[in-house]
């Protein structure tokens, strides 16, 4: 059997076409082995996921008393500093004091609504002339002084993670820019635990589904970038 195989190989290599086929097959095998070795190394040295996004404190800015919006000084994407005026409001007055129906164009008095933090306006909830209730948001500002990544890691990889591990963060909204970070903390419950409708399968129809655990990742030196809350990122956590 060995002699027959050897004779076939010699016969094949004796022709130019046979040599090309042989060397092409060798290159394919070597390439597949290299790819497999790289995938094994990456899985051994890192935990990676694309199920992650940018998070930041989203702060609703409004009035503690009923008011009417006189003017808005900020719009979607506007940068505002702490103490900067976002809106001017006044106390709405009735056009008909007897029936308390209708509104005059100009409310009574004026006061400023100011931003409590440095950040960007993520949402505008009302417009000039509208009457808002106490606590109703006028705009939502996200605080740029504190942004982080929330990555959902498969439960089978959680045992490999611990606070302090270095993380490579690829930001989709920045054209693939890569930032550095580290694992800040690991949630003590799966993401599905907080679902409004948790799964309650019976034994007959149970299908095991891998759960994910939220992991908070701190971003190092994010100040030179505008990181948009909710946008997708990819993380690569180095295993020490």
Protein backbone atom coordinates (compact mmCIF):
# COMPACT_ATOMS: atom_id res chain seq x y z
CA UNK A 1 0.00 0.00 0.00
CA UNK A 2 2.81 2.39 0.94
CA UNK A 3 4.68 1.56 -2.26
CA UNK A 4 1.60 2.25 -4.39
CA UNK A 5 1.06 5.64 -2.67
CA UNK A 6 4.74 6.50 -3.16
CA UNK A 7 4.57 5.57 -6.83
CA UNK A 8 1.47 7.74 -7.32
CA UNK A 9 3.19 10.70 -5.66
CA UNK A 10 6.25 10.30 -7.86
CA UNK A 11 4.05 10.03 -10.91
CA UNK A 12 2.12 13.17 -9.98
CA UNK A 13 5.26 15.18 -9.19
CA UNK A 14 6.84 14.18 -12.46
CA UNK A 15 4.52 16.51 -14.33
CA UNK A 16 4.30 20.29 -14.05
CA UNK A 17 0.56 20.23 -13.40
CA UNK A 18 1.03 17.69 -10.65
CA UNK A 19 3.68 19.84 -8.97
CA UNK A 20 1.39 22.88 -9.07
CA UNK A 21 -1.47 20.89 -7.53
CA UNK A 22 0.81 19.46 -4.85
CA UNK A 23 2.31 22.79 -3.81
CA UNK A 24 -1.12 24.49 -3.91
CA UNK A 25 -2.47 21.81 -1.58
CA UNK A 26 0.52 22.27 0.73
CA UNK A 27 -0.03 26.02 0.86
CA UNK A 28 -3.72 25.49 1.62
CA UNK A 29 -2.94 23.10 4.47
CA UNK A 30 -0.29 25.44 5.90
CA UNK A 31 -2.64 28.43 5.64
CA UNK A 32 -5.49 26.58 7.33
CA UNK A 33 -3.14 25.45 10.09
CA UNK A 34 -1.90 29.02 10.59
CA UNK A 35 -5.45 30.38 10.77
CA UNK A 36 -6.46 27.66 13.21
CA UNK A 37 -3.40 28.31 15.37
CA UNK A 38 -4.13 32.06 15.39
CA UNK A 39 -7.77 31.48 16.37
CA UNK A 40 -6.67 29.17 19.19
CA UNK A 41 -4.13 31.74 20.39
CA UNK A 42 -6.65 34.59 20.27
CA UNK A 43 -9.19 32.53 22.20
CA UNK A 44 -6.55 31.48 24.73
CA UNK A 45 -5.14 34.97 25.34
CA UNK A 46 -8.27 37.12 24.94
CA UNK A 47 -12.01 37.29 25.53
CA UNK A 48 -13.67 39.24 22.73
CA UNK A 49 -17.19 40.38 21.93
CA UNK A 50 -19.00 42.83 19.67
CA UNK A 51 -22.02 42.82 22.01
CA UNK A 52 -20.94 46.04 23.71
CA UNK A 53 -21.75 49.74 23.61
CA UNK A 54 -20.81 53.14 24.99
CA UNK A 55 -22.62 54.23 28.16
CA UNK A 56 -22.75 57.57 29.96
CA UNK A 57 -24.90 59.32 32.57
CA UNK A 58 -27.99 60.70 30.81
CA UNK A 59 -29.26 63.63 32.87
CA UNK A 60 -32.76 65.01 32.40
CA UNK A 61 -32.84 68.79 32.80
CA UNK A 62 -36.16 70.38 33.70
CA UNK A 63 -37.96 72.69 36.09
CA UNK A 64 -39.16 71.97 39.62
CA UNK A 65 -42.31 74.03 39.03
CA UNK A 66 -44.86 74.26 36.20
CA UNK A 67 -43.51 76.56 33.52
CA UNK A 68 -43.83 77.68 29.94
CA UNK A 69 -40.86 77.58 27.60
CA UNK A 70 -39.96 81.08 26.40
CA UNK A 71 -36.84 80.11 24.46
CA UNK A 72 -34.41 77.24 23.99
CA UNK A 73 -30.70 77.98 23.75
CA UNK A 74 -29.54 74.43 22.93
CA UNK A 75 -30.36 71.87 20.28
CA UNK A 76 -29.46 68.29 19.43
CA UNK A 77 -25.72 67.78 19.67
CA UNK A 78 -25.02 71.16 21.25
CA UNK A 79 -22.10 71.26 23.67
CA UNK A 80 -23.01 72.88 26.99
CA UNK A 81 -20.92 73.68 30.02
CA UNK A 82 -21.95 73.40 33.64
CA UNK A 83 -24.01 76.47 34.55
CA UNK A 84 -24.68 77.41 30.93
CA UNK A 85 -28.22 78.52 30.14
CA UNK A 86 -30.22 75.92 28.25
CA UNK A 87 -33.67 77.54 28.29
CA UNK A 88 -35.60 80.54 29.54
CA UNK A 89 -38.92 79.73 31.20
CA UNK A 90 -41.72 81.64 32.90
CA UNK A 91 -44.92 80.98 34.81
CA UNK A 92 -47.78 80.42 32.35
CA UNK A 93 -50.73 82.78 32.75
CA UNK A 94 -54.29 82.24 31.73
CA UNK A 95 -55.85 84.16 28.87
CA UNK A 96 -59.20 83.88 30.66
CA UNK A 97 -58.82 84.12 34.46
CA UNK A 98 -62.45 83.05 34.97
CA UNK A 99 -62.36 79.78 33.08
CA UNK A 100 -58.54 79.33 33.37
CA UNK A 101 -58.50 78.35 29.71
CA UNK A 102 -56.09 79.54 27.05
CA UNK A 103 -52.60 80.98 27.48
CA UNK A 104 -51.24 84.45 26.92
CA UNK A 105 -48.22 84.72 24.65
CA UNK A 106 -45.91 86.04 27.36
CA UNK A 107 -45.70 84.17 30.68
CA UNK A 108 -45.16 85.89 34.01
CA UNK A 109 -41.56 86.31 35.13
CA UNK A 110 -38.44 84.76 33.68
CA UNK A 111 -35.88 82.29 34.97
CA UNK A 112 -33.03 80.33 33.46
CA UNK A 113 -32.70 76.58 33.21
CA UNK A 114 -28.99 75.72 33.40
CA UNK A 115 -26.98 72.64 32.58
CA UNK A 116 -25.80 70.75 35.70
CA UNK A 117 -22.78 69.21 33.90
CA UNK A 118 -20.41 69.63 30.97
CA UNK A 119 -21.73 67.57 28.10
CA UNK A 120 -23.72 67.29 24.90
CA UNK A 121 -27.47 67.61 24.40
CA UNK A 122 -28.67 64.10 23.56
CA UNK A 123 -32.40 64.89 23.26
CA UNK A 124 -34.80 67.84 23.18
CA UNK A 125 -38.21 67.06 24.62
CA UNK A 126 -40.13 70.30 24.15
CA UNK A 127 -40.18 73.57 22.23
CA UNK A 128 -40.80 77.29 22.86
CA UNK A 129 -44.39 78.01 23.85
CA UNK A 130 -44.99 74.60 25.39
CA UNK A 131 -46.06 74.22 29.02
CA UNK A 132 -44.19 71.58 30.98
CA UNK A 133 -45.03 69.93 34.30
CA UNK A 134 -42.74 69.84 37.34
CA UNK A 135 -39.90 67.41 36.71
CA UNK A 136 -40.76 66.97 33.03
CA UNK A 137 -37.50 67.01 31.06
CA UNK A 138 -36.81 69.89 28.73
CA UNK A 139 -33.58 68.41 27.38
CA UNK A 140 -31.38 65.44 28.21
CA UNK A 141 -27.65 66.02 28.57
CA UNK A 142 -25.04 63.29 28.72
CA UNK A 143 -22.10 63.89 31.02
CA UNK A 144 -18.83 63.65 29.07
CA UNK A 145 -16.74 63.53 32.25
CA UNK A 146 -17.76 59.92 32.81
CA UNK A 147 -18.16 57.50 29.92
CA UNK A 148 -17.65 53.76 29.97
CA UNK A 149 -18.25 50.62 27.95
CA UNK A 150 -20.84 48.02 28.94
CA UNK A 151 -19.92 44.68 27.39
CA UNK A 152 -22.11 41.58 27.53
CA UNK A 153 -19.82 38.59 28.01
CA UNK A 154 -20.98 35.00 27.54
CA UNK A 155 -21.33 33.19 30.87
CA UNK A 156 -18.79 30.56 29.81
CA UNK A 157 -16.03 33.22 29.69
CA UNK A 158 -16.86 35.13 32.87
CA UNK A 159 -14.58 32.96 35.03
CA UNK A 160 -11.62 34.22 32.98
CA UNK A 161 -12.28 37.88 33.78
CA UNK A 162 -11.35 40.00 36.78
CA UNK A 163 -11.08 43.74 37.52
CA UNK A 164 -7.94 45.42 36.24
CA UNK A 165 -7.49 43.42 33.05
CA UNK A 166 -6.47 45.53 30.04
CA UNK A 167 -9.00 46.01 27.24
CA UNK A 168 -8.69 47.09 23.62
CA UNK A 169 -11.81 49.00 22.53
CA UNK A 170 -12.67 49.50 18.85
CA UNK A 171 -15.17 52.35 18.35
CA UNK A 172 -17.47 51.89 15.34
CA UNK A 173 -18.70 55.50 15.35
CA UNK A 174 -15.10 56.77 15.16
CA UNK A 175 -14.27 54.79 12.04
CA UNK A 176 -12.66 51.94 13.95
CA UNK A 177 -10.49 54.07 16.25
CA UNK A 178 -8.92 51.98 19.01
CA UNK A 179 -8.90 53.15 22.64
CA UNK A 180 -7.50 51.45 25.71
CA UNK A 181 -9.35 50.62 28.92
CA UNK A 182 -9.55 48.14 31.75
CA UNK A 183 -12.19 45.98 33.39
CA UNK A 184 -13.84 47.98 36.16
CA UNK A 185 -16.41 45.51 37.46
CA UNK A 186 -18.48 42.44 36.69
CA UNK A 187 -22.22 42.34 37.33
CA UNK A 188 -23.47 39.88 39.94
CA UNK A 189 -26.41 38.87 37.73
CA UNK A 190 -27.04 38.11 34.07
CA UNK A 191 -28.58 40.68 31.74
CA UNK A 192 -31.69 38.51 31.42
CA UNK A 193 -32.33 38.76 35.18
CA UNK A 194 -33.56 42.34 34.70
CA UNK A 195 -35.90 41.52 31.80
CA UNK A 196 -39.50 42.67 32.24
CA UNK A 197 -40.65 39.26 31.03
CA UNK A 198 -38.14 36.70 32.36
CA UNK A 199 -38.04 33.25 30.80
CA UNK A 200 -39.95 30.55 32.65
CA UNK A 201 -39.60 27.43 30.53
CA UNK A 202 -41.00 24.09 31.61
CA UNK A 203 -38.91 20.93 31.38
CA UNK A 204 -40.72 19.79 28.24
CA UNK A 205 -39.81 22.80 26.09
CA UNK A 206 -36.57 23.90 27.77
CA UNK A 207 -33.74 24.90 25.44
CA UNK A 208 -30.45 25.90 27.00
CA UNK A 209 -29.38 29.36 25.83
CA UNK A 210 -26.04 30.89 26.77
CA UNK A 211 -26.60 33.85 29.08
CA UNK A 212 -24.56 37.06 29.04
CA UNK A 213 -23.19 38.96 32.02
CA UNK A 214 -22.68 42.76 31.86
CA UNK A 215 -19.07 43.87 32.39
CA UNK A 216 -18.20 47.53 32.99
CA UNK A 217 -15.05 48.74 31.22
CA UNK A 218 -13.43 52.08 31.99
CA UNK A 219 -12.08 54.03 29.00
CA UNK A 220 -8.64 55.59 29.40
CA UNK A 221 -8.22 59.21 28.20
CA UNK A 222 -11.48 59.51 26.20
CA UNK A 223 -11.40 63.34 26.29
CA UNK A 224 -10.17 63.91 22.73
CA UNK A 225 -13.07 61.94 21.26
CA UNK A 226 -16.84 62.46 21.17
CA UNK A 227 -18.21 59.15 22.40
CA UNK A 228 -21.92 58.75 21.66
CA UNK A 229 -23.90 56.78 24.27
CA UNK A 230 -25.53 53.67 22.84
CA UNK A 231 -23.16 53.27 19.88
CA UNK A 232 -21.57 49.89 19.27
CA UNK A 233 -18.00 48.93 20.08
CA UNK A 234 -15.91 45.78 20.02
CA UNK A 235 -13.84 44.81 23.04
CA UNK A 236 -10.84 42.53 23.36
CA UNK A 237 -9.95 41.70 26.97
CA UNK A 238 -6.44 40.43 27.67
CA UNK A 239 -6.31 37.43 29.99
CA UNK A 240 -3.44 37.69 32.48
